[in-house]
């Protein structure tokens, strides 16, 4: 009797990831008529900005700046409008001028940092967030986004420190609680992660991704009933949340409810037909139910969608072994190994010539 090998399942998490208009005015040395004209355009620009009519806001800020070129608030708000329109390079140019005229503008540093971050310039973003915090140590958003960079660089302790400062300065910052929870998950502090996700939910019960993350923390803690309940809450809030369907299926699989898992994987695939993780995971559930042909077929689909998906090759090899297709199983395990999956090499060494 062959020893059954373990399938590799894939779960997914969501984390997540603010505009500023300033209405006080200092136009420097200008004639009274110039001041009135510039102020009129500026105020109209603010009205347009607050109405989210960013293109027309820019037009009026342009006019104010043409009349009074060193109009710092108009420069800042024009940069803010460009930021909202994802015109990050030109937003940075406006924030540069704003900071030159007002070196202690925390929000200008912050939004320039956000612009740099959107352009994948992490060093520039970090420097600006540092300056925003230096000028205004109570700026929660600068801490939050700097924490996000630390998180992406796997500097989880530094990220947690920044998220902690974010919620200290903004106690209702649901996103910061959520992301601190995710950083704690990375450090295997599941108790701390669960507490933070719950705090985020207390602040805002409408964030589906927080329930999804809470579900994953419970699942990692082997609290499968709680995990399934919270994935369900995520799905109730967002009925096309295919990631939560996949994750709930994963929790059901680990609980031993393979039919329930397949039902959730089916829904994930219904919502996103190209979702390779759900095909791979459904293959694992079918394998547990001894549907080896169905399992291999789902791995085929996953590989068709992503021919570099090592886990699917590994899992197809396991299914093919049970179908007495030993040569093909070995081909799959060797392919998985060539893609960097250690289990592929292990399985090949154990079962192949």
C-alpha atoms as a PDB file:
ATOM      1  CA  UNK A   1       0.000   0.000   0.000  1.00  0.00           C
ATOM      2  CA  UNK A   2       1.552   3.292  -1.056  1.00  0.00           C
ATOM      3  CA  UNK A   3       1.899   6.025   1.536  1.00  0.00           C
ATOM      4  CA  UNK A   4      -0.297   8.928   0.494  1.00  0.00           C
ATOM      5  CA  UNK A   5       1.638  12.130  -0.007  1.00  0.00           C
ATOM      6  CA  UNK A   6       0.360  15.483   1.211  1.00  0.00           C
ATOM      7  CA  UNK A   7      -0.999  18.042  -1.223  1.00  0.00           C
ATOM      8  CA  UNK A   8       0.233  21.618  -1.083  1.00  0.00           C
ATOM      9  CA  UNK A   9      -2.667  24.064  -0.663  1.00  0.00           C
ATOM     10  CA  UNK A  10      -2.535  27.808  -1.191  1.00  0.00           C
ATOM     11  CA  UNK A  11      -4.308  30.434   0.898  1.00  0.00           C
ATOM     12  CA  UNK A  12      -4.462  34.170   0.238  1.00  0.00           C
ATOM     13  CA  UNK A  13      -4.769  37.235   2.446  1.00  0.00           C
ATOM     14  CA  UNK A  14      -5.876  40.773   1.914  1.00  0.00           C
ATOM     15  CA  UNK A  15      -4.455  43.762   3.488  1.00  0.00           C
ATOM     16  CA  UNK A  16      -5.003  46.884   2.676  1.00  0.00           C
ATOM     17  CA  UNK A  17      -4.112  49.930   2.006  1.00  0.00           C
ATOM     18  CA  UNK A  18      -6.594  60.282   1.914  1.00  0.00           C
ATOM     19  CA  UNK A  19      -6.594  63.824   0.240  1.00  0.00           C
ATOM     20  CA  UNK A  20      -5.904  67.223   1.660  1.00  0.00           C
ATOM     21  CA  UNK A  21      -7.159  70.653   0.663  1.00  0.00           C
ATOM     22  CA  UNK A  22      -6.034  73.685   2.634  1.00  0.00           C
ATOM     23  CA  UNK A  23      -8.115  76.821   2.758  1.00  0.00           C
ATOM     24  CA  UNK A  24      -5.907  79.383   4.501  1.00  0.00           C
ATOM     25  CA  UNK A  25      -4.221  81.921   2.227  1.00  0.00           C
ATOM     26  CA  UNK A  26      -0.953  83.827   2.038  1.00  0.00           C
ATOM     27  CA  UNK A  27      -0.183  85.211  -1.420  1.00  0.00           C
ATOM     28  CA  UNK A  28       2.844  87.299  -0.472  1.00  0.00           C
ATOM     29  CA  UNK A  29       3.570  90.706  -1.980  1.00  0.00           C
ATOM     30  CA  UNK A  30       0.828  91.355  -4.527  1.00  0.00           C
ATOM     31  CA  UNK A  31      -1.443  94.242  -5.395  1.00  0.00           C
ATOM     32  CA  UNK A  32      -4.849  94.324  -3.793  1.00  0.00           C
ATOM     33  CA  UNK A  33      -6.487  93.541  -7.147  1.00  0.00           C
ATOM     34  CA  UNK A  34      -4.135  90.605  -7.714  1.00  0.00           C
ATOM     35  CA  UNK A  35      -4.926  89.286  -4.277  1.00  0.00           C
ATOM     36  CA  UNK A  36      -8.647  89.413  -4.964  1.00  0.00           C
ATOM     37  CA  UNK A  37      -8.292  87.694  -8.349  1.00  0.00           C
ATOM     38  CA  UNK A  38      -5.960  85.013  -7.030  1.00  0.00           C
ATOM     39  CA  UNK A  39      -8.119  84.422  -3.969  1.00  0.00           C
ATOM     40  CA  UNK A  40     -11.240  84.091  -6.127  1.00  0.00           C
ATOM     41  CA  UNK A  41      -9.603  81.441  -8.297  1.00  0.00           C
ATOM     42  CA  UNK A  42      -8.152  79.727  -5.242  1.00  0.00           C
ATOM     43  CA  UNK A  43     -11.501  79.527  -3.448  1.00  0.00           C
ATOM     44  CA  UNK A  44     -13.191  78.203  -6.568  1.00  0.00           C
ATOM     45  CA  UNK A  45     -10.412  75.632  -6.863  1.00  0.00           C
ATOM     46  CA  UNK A  46     -11.063  74.526  -3.280  1.00  0.00           C
ATOM     47  CA  UNK A  47     -14.784  74.193  -4.032  1.00  0.00           C
ATOM     48  CA  UNK A  48     -14.034  72.089  -7.109  1.00  0.00           C
ATOM     49  CA  UNK A  49     -11.530  69.986  -5.163  1.00  0.00           C
ATOM     50  CA  UNK A  50     -14.016  69.278  -2.380  1.00  0.00           C
ATOM     51  CA  UNK A  51     -16.567  68.299  -5.031  1.00  0.00           C
ATOM     52  CA  UNK A  52     -13.934  65.888  -6.456  1.00  0.00           C
ATOM     53  CA  UNK A  53     -13.857  67.854  -9.718  1.00  0.00           C
ATOM     54  CA  UNK A  54     -10.081  67.724  -9.763  1.00  0.00           C
ATOM     55  CA  UNK A  55      -9.534  68.756 -13.384  1.00  0.00           C
ATOM     56  CA  UNK A  56     -11.390  72.035 -12.932  1.00  0.00           C
ATOM     57  CA  UNK A  57      -9.783  72.536  -9.534  1.00  0.00           C
ATOM     58  CA  UNK A  58      -6.398  72.429 -11.270  1.00  0.00           C
ATOM     59  CA  UNK A  59      -7.534  75.005 -13.828  1.00  0.00           C
ATOM     60  CA  UNK A  60      -8.431  77.478 -11.071  1.00  0.00           C
ATOM     61  CA  UNK A  61      -5.268  76.776  -9.070  1.00  0.00           C
ATOM     62  CA  UNK A  62      -3.316  77.363 -12.319  1.00  0.00           C
ATOM     63  CA  UNK A  63      -4.949  80.776 -12.637  1.00  0.00           C
ATOM     64  CA  UNK A  64      -4.201  81.669  -9.007  1.00  0.00           C
ATOM     65  CA  UNK A  65      -0.546  80.641  -9.446  1.00  0.00           C
ATOM     66  CA  UNK A  66      -0.226  82.572 -12.724  1.00  0.00           C
ATOM     67  CA  UNK A  67      -1.318  85.727 -10.919  1.00  0.00           C
ATOM     68  CA  UNK A  68       0.848  85.061  -7.838  1.00  0.00           C
ATOM     69  CA  UNK A  69       3.591  82.507  -8.649  1.00  0.00           C
ATOM     70  CA  UNK A  70       4.649  81.974  -5.019  1.00  0.00           C
ATOM     71  CA  UNK A  71       1.135  81.101  -3.863  1.00  0.00           C
ATOM     72  CA  UNK A  72       2.144  78.148  -1.674  1.00  0.00           C
ATOM     73  CA  UNK A  73      -1.349  76.941  -0.753  1.00  0.00           C
ATOM     74  CA  UNK A  74      -2.407  76.944  -4.396  1.00  0.00           C
ATOM     75  CA  UNK A  75       0.720  74.981  -5.301  1.00  0.00           C
ATOM     76  CA  UNK A  76       0.033  72.472  -2.532  1.00  0.00           C
ATOM     77  CA  UNK A  77      -3.592  72.001  -3.475  1.00  0.00           C
ATOM     78  CA  UNK A  78      -2.800  71.758  -7.180  1.00  0.00           C
ATOM     79  CA  UNK A  79      -0.363  69.005  -6.275  1.00  0.00           C
ATOM     80  CA  UNK A  80      -3.085  67.354  -4.185  1.00  0.00           C
ATOM     81  CA  UNK A  81      -5.504  67.457  -7.131  1.00  0.00           C
ATOM     82  CA  UNK A  82      -2.868  65.972  -9.430  1.00  0.00           C
ATOM     83  CA  UNK A  83      -2.257  63.263  -6.843  1.00  0.00           C
ATOM     84  CA  UNK A  84      -5.954  62.415  -6.874  1.00  0.00           C
ATOM     85  CA  UNK A  85      -5.752  62.110 -10.667  1.00  0.00           C
ATOM     86  CA  UNK A  86      -2.708  59.807 -10.311  1.00  0.00           C
ATOM     87  CA  UNK A  87      -0.490  62.350 -12.054  1.00  0.00           C
ATOM     88  CA  UNK A  88       2.231  61.648  -9.539  1.00  0.00           C
ATOM     89  CA  UNK A  89       5.247  63.137 -11.322  1.00  0.00           C
ATOM     90  CA  UNK A  90       3.584  66.527 -11.748  1.00  0.00           C
ATOM     91  CA  UNK A  91       2.180  66.335  -8.231  1.00  0.00           C
ATOM     92  CA  UNK A  92       5.743  65.920  -6.950  1.00  0.00           C
ATOM     93  CA  UNK A  93       6.830  69.024  -8.876  1.00  0.00           C
ATOM     94  CA  UNK A  94       4.116  71.065  -7.149  1.00  0.00           C
ATOM     95  CA  UNK A  95       4.971  69.640  -3.717  1.00  0.00           C
ATOM     96  CA  UNK A  96       8.641  70.483  -4.353  1.00  0.00           C
ATOM     97  CA  UNK A  97       7.698  74.146  -4.824  1.00  0.00           C
ATOM     98  CA  UNK A  98       5.314  74.062  -1.868  1.00  0.00           C
ATOM     99  CA  UNK A  99       8.026  72.671   0.428  1.00  0.00           C
ATOM    100  CA  UNK A 100      10.554  75.232  -0.815  1.00  0.00           C
ATOM    101  CA  UNK A 101       8.142  78.003   0.152  1.00  0.00           C
ATOM    102  CA  UNK A 102       6.964  76.306   3.357  1.00  0.00           C
ATOM    103  CA  UNK A 103       9.601  73.838   4.666  1.00  0.00           C
ATOM    104  CA  UNK A 104       7.461  72.878   7.651  1.00  0.00           C
ATOM    105  CA  UNK A 105       4.468  71.576   5.693  1.00  0.00           C
ATOM    106  CA  UNK A 106       3.966  68.069   7.051  1.00  0.00           C
ATOM    107  CA  UNK A 107       1.152  67.330   4.609  1.00  0.00           C
ATOM    108  CA  UNK A 108       3.285  68.350   1.620  1.00  0.00           C
ATOM    109  CA  UNK A 109       6.016  65.959   2.723  1.00  0.00           C
ATOM    110  CA  UNK A 110       3.409  63.264   3.329  1.00  0.00           C
ATOM    111  CA  UNK A 111       1.704  63.591  -0.055  1.00  0.00           C
ATOM    112  CA  UNK A 112       5.011  63.852  -1.865  1.00  0.00           C
ATOM    113  CA  UNK A 113       5.964  60.661  -0.090  1.00  0.00           C
ATOM    114  CA  UNK A 114       2.730  59.025  -1.232  1.00  0.00           C
ATOM    115  CA  UNK A 115       3.498  60.119  -4.781  1.00  0.00           C
ATOM    116  CA  UNK A 116       6.992  58.657  -4.600  1.00  0.00           C
ATOM    117  CA  UNK A 117       5.539  55.447  -3.199  1.00  0.00           C
ATOM    118  CA  UNK A 118       3.062  55.156  -6.050  1.00  0.00           C
ATOM    119  CA  UNK A 119       6.001  55.554  -8.448  1.00  0.00           C
ATOM    120  CA  UNK A 120       7.836  52.713  -6.641  1.00  0.00           C
ATOM    121  CA  UNK A 121      10.479  55.097  -5.265  1.00  0.00           C
ATOM    122  CA  UNK A 122      10.664  53.682  -1.750  1.00  0.00           C
ATOM    123  CA  UNK A 123      13.742  55.668  -0.720  1.00  0.00           C
ATOM    124  CA  UNK A 124      12.124  58.955  -1.705  1.00  0.00           C
ATOM    125  CA  UNK A 125       8.905  57.971   0.047  1.00  0.00           C
ATOM    126  CA  UNK A 126      10.669  56.972   3.260  1.00  0.00           C
ATOM    127  CA  UNK A 127      12.609  60.248   3.385  1.00  0.00           C
ATOM    128  CA  UNK A 128       9.424  62.262   2.948  1.00  0.00           C
ATOM    129  CA  UNK A 129       7.544  60.260   5.586  1.00  0.00           C
ATOM    130  CA  UNK A 130      10.483  60.810   7.956  1.00  0.00           C
ATOM    131  CA  UNK A 131      10.267  64.570   7.313  1.00  0.00           C
ATOM    132  CA  UNK A 132       6.483  64.611   7.706  1.00  0.00           C
ATOM    133  CA  UNK A 133       6.873  62.909  11.091  1.00  0.00           C
ATOM    134  CA  UNK A 134       9.764  65.210  12.069  1.00  0.00           C
ATOM    135  CA  UNK A 135       7.597  68.284  11.404  1.00  0.00           C
ATOM    136  CA  UNK A 136       4.411  66.805  12.876  1.00  0.00           C
ATOM    137  CA  UNK A 137       5.033  63.755  15.105  1.00  0.00           C
ATOM    138  CA  UNK A 138       1.259  63.315  15.398  1.00  0.00           C
ATOM    139  CA  UNK A 139       0.769  62.646  11.647  1.00  0.00           C
ATOM    140  CA  UNK A 140      -0.907  59.193  11.652  1.00  0.00           C
ATOM    141  CA  UNK A 141      -0.923  58.757   7.877  1.00  0.00           C
ATOM    142  CA  UNK A 142       2.831  59.201   7.533  1.00  0.00           C
ATOM    143  CA  UNK A 143       3.349  56.494  10.135  1.00  0.00           C
ATOM    144  CA  UNK A 144       0.820  54.246   8.417  1.00  0.00           C
ATOM    145  CA  UNK A 145       2.329  54.439   4.953  1.00  0.00           C
ATOM    146  CA  UNK A 146       5.894  54.226   6.225  1.00  0.00           C
ATOM    147  CA  UNK A 147       4.764  51.111   8.063  1.00  0.00           C
ATOM    148  CA  UNK A 148       3.476  49.758   4.768  1.00  0.00           C
ATOM    149  CA  UNK A 149       6.930  50.088   3.206  1.00  0.00           C
ATOM    150  CA  UNK A 150       8.515  48.357   6.173  1.00  0.00           C
ATOM    151  CA  UNK A 151       5.895  45.596   5.845  1.00  0.00           C
ATOM    152  CA  UNK A 152       6.654  45.094   2.154  1.00  0.00           C
ATOM    153  CA  UNK A 153      10.357  44.829   3.045  1.00  0.00           C
ATOM    154  CA  UNK A 154       9.557  42.164   5.678  1.00  0.00           C
ATOM    155  CA  UNK A 155      10.622  44.553   8.472  1.00  0.00           C
ATOM    156  CA  UNK A 156       7.640  43.535  10.542  1.00  0.00           C
ATOM    157  CA  UNK A 157       8.804  44.859  13.922  1.00  0.00           C
ATOM    158  CA  UNK A 158       9.426  48.307  12.411  1.00  0.00           C
ATOM    159  CA  UNK A 159       6.036  48.135  10.692  1.00  0.00           C
ATOM    160  CA  UNK A 160       4.303  47.270  13.957  1.00  0.00           C
ATOM    161  CA  UNK A 161       5.980  50.243  15.673  1.00  0.00           C
ATOM    162  CA  UNK A 162       4.695  52.598  12.953  1.00  0.00           C
ATOM    163  CA  UNK A 163       1.187  51.147  12.945  1.00  0.00           C
ATOM    164  CA  UNK A 164       1.179  51.536  16.741  1.00  0.00           C
ATOM    165  CA  UNK A 165       2.032  55.240  16.382  1.00  0.00           C
ATOM    166  CA  UNK A 166      -0.657  55.578  13.715  1.00  0.00           C
ATOM    167  CA  UNK A 167      -3.401  54.267  16.014  1.00  0.00           C
ATOM    168  CA  UNK A 168      -1.982  56.217  18.959  1.00  0.00           C
ATOM    169  CA  UNK A 169      -2.539  59.422  16.987  1.00  0.00           C
ATOM    170  CA  UNK A 170      -5.736  58.247  15.303  1.00  0.00           C
ATOM    171  CA  UNK A 171      -7.510  55.739  17.569  1.00  0.00           C
ATOM    172  CA  UNK A 172     -10.195  54.973  14.951  1.00  0.00           C
ATOM    173  CA  UNK A 173      -7.670  54.025  12.248  1.00  0.00           C
ATOM    174  CA  UNK A 174      -9.144  50.698  11.156  1.00  0.00           C
ATOM    175  CA  UNK A 175      -6.643  50.147   8.356  1.00  0.00           C
ATOM    176  CA  UNK A 176      -3.715  50.560  10.751  1.00  0.00           C
ATOM    177  CA  UNK A 177      -5.182  48.037  13.197  1.00  0.00           C
ATOM    178  CA  UNK A 178      -5.706  45.623  10.290  1.00  0.00           C
ATOM    179  CA  UNK A 179      -2.196  45.992   8.940  1.00  0.00           C
ATOM    180  CA  UNK A 180      -0.629  45.741  12.378  1.00  0.00           C
ATOM    181  CA  UNK A 181      -2.535  42.507  12.770  1.00  0.00           C
ATOM    182  CA  UNK A 182      -1.107  41.259   9.479  1.00  0.00           C
ATOM    183  CA  UNK A 183       2.436  42.158  10.588  1.00  0.00           C
ATOM    184  CA  UNK A 184       1.879  40.248  13.810  1.00  0.00           C
ATOM    185  CA  UNK A 185       0.654  37.267  11.771  1.00  0.00           C
ATOM    186  CA  UNK A 186       3.925  37.309   9.880  1.00  0.00           C
ATOM    187  CA  UNK A 187       5.739  37.086  13.209  1.00  0.00           C
ATOM    188  CA  UNK A 188       3.473  34.167  14.268  1.00  0.00           C
ATOM    189  CA  UNK A 189       1.829  36.277  16.976  1.00  0.00           C
ATOM    190  CA  UNK A 190      -1.627  34.969  16.194  1.00  0.00           C
ATOM    191  CA  UNK A 191      -3.147  36.100  19.498  1.00  0.00           C
ATOM    192  CA  UNK A 192      -1.980  39.663  18.856  1.00  0.00           C
ATOM    193  CA  UNK A 193      -3.146  39.506  15.240  1.00  0.00           C
ATOM    194  CA  UNK A 194      -6.621  38.361  16.238  1.00  0.00           C
ATOM    195  CA  UNK A 195      -6.893  41.195  18.782  1.00  0.00           C
ATOM    196  CA  UNK A 196      -5.906  43.791  16.180  1.00  0.00           C
ATOM    197  CA  UNK A 197      -8.310  42.496  13.541  1.00  0.00           C
ATOM    198  CA  UNK A 198     -11.085  42.612  16.128  1.00  0.00           C
ATOM    199  CA  UNK A 199     -10.131  46.220  16.976  1.00  0.00           C
ATOM    200  CA  UNK A 200     -10.343  47.118  13.287  1.00  0.00           C
ATOM    201  CA  UNK A 201     -13.822  45.580  13.121  1.00  0.00           C
ATOM    202  CA  UNK A 202     -14.940  47.512  16.211  1.00  0.00           C
ATOM    203  CA  UNK A 203     -13.972  50.703  14.376  1.00  0.00           C
ATOM    204  CA  UNK A 204     -15.462  49.738  11.015  1.00  0.00           C
ATOM    205  CA  UNK A 205     -17.700  46.706  10.541  1.00  0.00           C
ATOM    206  CA  UNK A 206     -17.921  47.198   6.751  1.00  0.00           C
ATOM    207  CA  UNK A 207     -14.378  46.166   5.786  1.00  0.00           C
ATOM    208  CA  UNK A 208     -14.681  42.721   4.245  1.00  0.00           C
ATOM    209  CA  UNK A 209     -10.935  42.192   3.995  1.00  0.00           C
ATOM    210  CA  UNK A 210     -10.562  42.512   7.780  1.00  0.00           C
ATOM    211  CA  UNK A 211     -12.969  39.634   8.342  1.00  0.00           C
ATOM    212  CA  UNK A 212     -11.025  37.650   5.739  1.00  0.00           C
ATOM    213  CA  UNK A 213      -7.768  38.341   7.571  1.00  0.00           C
ATOM    214  CA  UNK A 214      -9.322  37.496  10.922  1.00  0.00           C
ATOM    215  CA  UNK A 215     -10.511  34.234   9.410  1.00  0.00           C
ATOM    216  CA  UNK A 216      -6.980  33.432   8.260  1.00  0.00           C
ATOM    217  CA  UNK A 217      -5.545  34.185  11.707  1.00  0.00           C
ATOM    218  CA  UNK A 218      -8.088  31.834  13.276  1.00  0.00           C
ATOM    219  CA  UNK A 219      -7.322  29.198  10.624  1.00  0.00           C
ATOM    220  CA  UNK A 220      -3.594  29.455  11.297  1.00  0.00           C
ATOM    221  CA  UNK A 221      -4.454  28.988  14.976  1.00  0.00           C
ATOM    222  CA  UNK A 222      -6.456  25.864  14.044  1.00  0.00           C
ATOM    223  CA  UNK A 223      -9.705  27.494  15.206  1.00  0.00           C
ATOM    224  CA  UNK A 224     -11.538  26.357  12.118  1.00  0.00           C
ATOM    225  CA  UNK A 225     -15.109  27.117  13.184  1.00  0.00           C
ATOM    226  CA  UNK A 226     -14.190  30.728  13.963  1.00  0.00           C
ATOM    227  CA  UNK A 227     -12.264  30.961  10.707  1.00  0.00           C
ATOM    228  CA  UNK A 228     -15.201  29.704   8.650  1.00  0.00           C
ATOM    229  CA  UNK A 229     -17.569  32.106  10.410  1.00  0.00           C
ATOM    230  CA  UNK A 230     -15.393  35.139   9.660  1.00  0.00           C
ATOM    231  CA  UNK A 231     -14.767  34.172   6.033  1.00  0.00           C
ATOM    232  CA  UNK A 232     -18.556  33.939   5.774  1.00  0.00           C
ATOM    233  CA  UNK A 233     -18.921  37.468   7.147  1.00  0.00           C
ATOM    234  CA  UNK A 234     -16.426  38.704   4.554  1.00  0.00           C
ATOM    235  CA  UNK A 235     -18.450  37.041   1.794  1.00  0.00           C
ATOM    236  CA  UNK A 236     -21.704  38.486   3.143  1.00  0.00           C
ATOM    237  CA  UNK A 237     -20.217  41.981   2.903  1.00  0.00           C
ATOM    238  CA  UNK A 238     -18.695  41.334  -0.529  1.00  0.00           C
ATOM    239  CA  UNK A 239     -20.476  38.572  -2.393  1.00  0.00           C
ATOM    240  CA  UNK A 240     -17.892  38.469  -5.194  1.00  0.00           C
ATOM    241  CA  UNK A 241     -14.994  38.004  -2.781  1.00  0.00           C
ATOM    242  CA  UNK A 242     -13.399  34.993  -4.483  1.00  0.00           C
ATOM    243  CA  UNK A 243     -10.344  35.113  -2.202  1.00  0.00           C
ATOM    244  CA  UNK A 244     -12.547  34.656   0.861  1.00  0.00           C
ATOM    245  CA  UNK A 245     -14.336  31.748  -0.834  1.00  0.00           C
ATOM    246  CA  UNK A 246     -10.958  30.124  -1.496  1.00  0.00           C
ATOM    247  CA  UNK A 247      -9.821  30.720   2.065  1.00  0.00           C
ATOM    248  CA  UNK A 248     -13.051  29.409   3.567  1.00  0.00           C
ATOM    249  CA  UNK A 249     -12.644  26.331   1.395  1.00  0.00           C
ATOM    250  CA  UNK A 250      -9.119  25.938   2.737  1.00  0.00           C
ATOM    251  CA  UNK A 251     -10.409  26.107   6.338  1.00  0.00           C
ATOM    252  CA  UNK A 252     -13.095  23.536   5.573  1.00  0.00           C
ATOM    253  CA  UNK A 253     -10.467  21.318   3.964  1.00  0.00           C
ATOM    254  CA  UNK A 254      -8.263  21.476   7.041  1.00  0.00           C
ATOM    255  CA  UNK A 255     -11.311  20.712   9.191  1.00  0.00           C
ATOM    256  CA  UNK A 256     -11.962  17.620   7.063  1.00  0.00           C
ATOM    257  CA  UNK A 257     -15.064  18.893   5.228  1.00  0.00           C
ATOM    258  CA  UNK A 258     -13.825  18.172   1.707  1.00  0.00           C
ATOM    259  CA  UNK A 259     -17.218  18.435   0.020  1.00  0.00           C
ATOM    260  CA  UNK A 260     -17.801  21.802   1.665  1.00  0.00           C
ATOM    261  CA  UNK A 261     -14.351  22.886   0.574  1.00  0.00           C
ATOM    262  CA  UNK A 262     -15.075  21.915  -3.038  1.00  0.00           C
ATOM    263  CA  UNK A 263     -18.292  23.932  -2.972  1.00  0.00           C
ATOM    264  CA  UNK A 264     -16.360  27.040  -1.894  1.00  0.00           C
ATOM    265  CA  UNK A 265     -13.624  26.450  -4.474  1.00  0.00           C
ATOM    266  CA  UNK A 266     -16.353  26.128  -7.103  1.00  0.00           C
ATOM    267  CA  UNK A 267     -17.674  29.544  -6.094  1.00  0.00           C
ATOM    268  CA  UNK A 268     -14.192  31.060  -6.199  1.00  0.00           C
ATOM    269  CA  UNK A 269     -13.753  29.713  -9.745  1.00  0.00           C
ATOM    270  CA  UNK A 270     -17.245  30.864 -10.737  1.00  0.00           C
ATOM    271  CA  UNK A 271     -16.288  34.383  -9.691  1.00  0.00           C
ATOM    272  CA  UNK A 272     -12.816  34.262 -11.257  1.00  0.00           C
ATOM    273  CA  UNK A 273     -12.277  31.549 -13.831  1.00  0.00           C
ATOM    274  CA  UNK A 274      -8.531  32.275 -13.982  1.00  0.00           C
ATOM    275  CA  UNK A 275      -7.972  31.831 -10.247  1.00  0.00           C
ATOM    276  CA  UNK A 276      -5.264  29.164 -10.241  1.00  0.00           C
ATOM    277  CA  UNK A 277      -5.132  28.747  -6.453  1.00  0.00           C
ATOM    278  CA  UNK A 278      -8.736  27.573  -6.343  1.00  0.00           C
ATOM    279  CA  UNK A 279      -8.100  24.925  -9.036  1.00  0.00           C
ATOM    280  CA  UNK A 280      -5.062  23.677  -7.133  1.00  0.00           C
ATOM    281  CA  UNK A 281      -6.932  23.588  -3.843  1.00  0.00           C
ATOM    282  CA  UNK A 282      -9.972  21.905  -5.367  1.00  0.00           C
ATOM    283  CA  UNK A 283      -7.605  19.278  -6.729  1.00  0.00           C
ATOM    284  CA  UNK A 284      -6.388  18.648  -3.174  1.00  0.00           C
ATOM    285  CA  UNK A 285      -9.956  18.229  -1.886  1.00  0.00           C
ATOM    286  CA  UNK A 286     -10.855  15.867  -4.727  1.00  0.00           C
ATOM    287  CA  UNK A 287      -7.750  13.843  -3.941  1.00  0.00           C
ATOM    288  CA  UNK A 288      -8.935  13.439  -0.354  1.00  0.00           C
ATOM    289  CA  UNK A 289     -12.225  12.088  -1.739  1.00  0.00           C
ATOM    290  CA  UNK A 290     -10.222   9.653  -3.939  1.00  0.00           C
ATOM    291  CA  UNK A 291     -11.332  11.400  -7.125  1.00  0.00           C
ATOM    292  CA  UNK A 292      -7.854  11.133  -8.609  1.00  0.00           C
ATOM    293  CA  UNK A 293      -8.912  11.837 -12.195  1.00  0.00           C
ATOM    294  CA  UNK A 294     -10.762  14.969 -11.122  1.00  0.00           C
ATOM    295  CA  UNK A 295      -7.791  15.996  -9.044  1.00  0.00           C
ATOM    296  CA  UNK A 296      -5.379  15.613 -11.953  1.00  0.00           C
ATOM    297  CA  UNK A 297      -7.781  17.504 -14.237  1.00  0.00           C
ATOM    298  CA  UNK A 298      -7.874  20.483 -11.862  1.00  0.00           C
ATOM    299  CA  UNK A 299      -4.075  20.514 -11.738  1.00  0.00           C
ATOM    300  CA  UNK A 300      -4.082  20.450 -15.552  1.00  0.00           C
ATOM    301  CA  UNK A 301      -6.259  23.564 -15.546  1.00  0.00           C
ATOM    302  CA  UNK A 302      -4.039  25.338 -13.026  1.00  0.00           C
ATOM    303  CA  UNK A 303      -0.954  24.546 -15.120  1.00  0.00           C
ATOM    304  CA  UNK A 304      -2.687  25.715 -18.298  1.00  0.00           C
ATOM    305  CA  UNK A 305      -3.344  29.035 -16.587  1.00  0.00           C
ATOM    306  CA  UNK A 306       0.186  29.263 -15.149  1.00  0.00           C
ATOM    307  CA  UNK A 307       2.810  26.894 -16.533  1.00  0.00           C
ATOM    308  CA  UNK A 308       5.270  27.959 -13.818  1.00  0.00           C
ATOM    309  CA  UNK A 309       2.964  26.979 -10.953  1.00  0.00           C
ATOM    310  CA  UNK A 310       5.168  24.539  -9.057  1.00  0.00           C
ATOM    311  CA  UNK A 311       2.512  23.434  -6.524  1.00  0.00           C
ATOM    312  CA  UNK A 312       0.198  22.276  -9.313  1.00  0.00           C
ATOM    313  CA  UNK A 313       2.930  20.115 -10.846  1.00  0.00           C
ATOM    314  CA  UNK A 314       3.656  18.611  -7.439  1.00  0.00           C
ATOM    315  CA  UNK A 315       0.006  17.880  -6.820  1.00  0.00           C
ATOM    316  CA  UNK A 316      -0.648  16.491 -10.283  1.00  0.00           C
ATOM    317  CA  UNK A 317       2.266  14.136  -9.740  1.00  0.00           C
ATOM    318  CA  UNK A 318       0.658  12.881  -6.531  1.00  0.00           C
ATOM    319  CA  UNK A 319      -2.663  12.285  -8.323  1.00  0.00           C
ATOM    320  CA  UNK A 320      -0.924  10.562 -11.250  1.00  0.00           C
ATOM    321  CA  UNK A 321       0.897   8.247  -8.868  1.00  0.00           C
ATOM    322  CA  UNK A 322      -2.464   7.093  -7.528  1.00  0.00           C
ATOM    323  CA  UNK A 323      -3.612   6.577 -11.136  1.00  0.00           C
ATOM    324  CA  UNK A 324      -0.581   4.300 -11.638  1.00  0.00           C
ATOM    325  CA  UNK A 325       1.008   6.799 -14.039  1.00  0.00           C
ATOM    326  CA  UNK A 326       4.380   6.642 -12.335  1.00  0.00           C
ATOM    327  CA  UNK A 327       6.471   7.998 -15.229  1.00  0.00           C
ATOM    328  CA  UNK A 328       4.222  11.033 -15.609  1.00  0.00           C
ATOM    329  CA  UNK A 329       4.204  11.529 -11.836  1.00  0.00           C
ATOM    330  CA  UNK A 330       7.997  11.633 -11.830  1.00  0.00           C
ATOM    331  CA  UNK A 331       7.993  14.131 -14.704  1.00  0.00           C
ATOM    332  CA  UNK A 332       5.723  16.395 -12.677  1.00  0.00           C
ATOM    333  CA  UNK A 333       7.802  16.143  -9.517  1.00  0.00           C
ATOM    334  CA  UNK A 334      10.991  16.872 -11.428  1.00  0.00           C
ATOM    335  CA  UNK A 335       9.291  19.877 -13.018  1.00  0.00           C
ATOM    336  CA  UNK A 336       8.189  21.105  -9.585  1.00  0.00           C
ATOM    337  CA  UNK A 337      11.757  20.692  -8.350  1.00  0.00           C
ATOM    338  CA  UNK A 338      13.123  22.629 -11.347  1.00  0.00           C
ATOM    339  CA  UNK A 339      10.758  25.468 -10.398  1.00  0.00           C
ATOM    340  CA  UNK A 340      12.292  25.598  -6.931  1.00  0.00           C
ATOM    341  CA  UNK A 341       9.849  23.488  -4.903  1.00  0.00           C
ATOM    342  CA  UNK A 342      11.794  21.331  -2.435  1.00  0.00           C
ATOM    343  CA  UNK A 343       8.991  18.783  -2.082  1.00  0.00           C
ATOM    344  CA  UNK A 344       9.266  18.008  -5.783  1.00  0.00           C
ATOM    345  CA  UNK A 345      12.853  16.870  -5.338  1.00  0.00           C
ATOM    346  CA  UNK A 346      11.960  14.925  -2.193  1.00  0.00           C
ATOM    347  CA  UNK A 347       9.082  13.064  -3.870  1.00  0.00           C
ATOM    348  CA  UNK A 348      11.218  12.301  -6.919  1.00  0.00           C
ATOM    349  CA  UNK A 349      14.047  10.898  -4.803  1.00  0.00           C
ATOM    350  CA  UNK A 350      11.621   8.744  -2.829  1.00  0.00           C
ATOM    351  CA  UNK A 351       9.597   7.317  -5.694  1.00  0.00           C
ATOM    352  CA  UNK A 352      11.477   7.706  -8.980  1.00  0.00           C
ATOM    353  CA  UNK A 353      14.493   5.966 -10.480  1.00  0.00           C
END
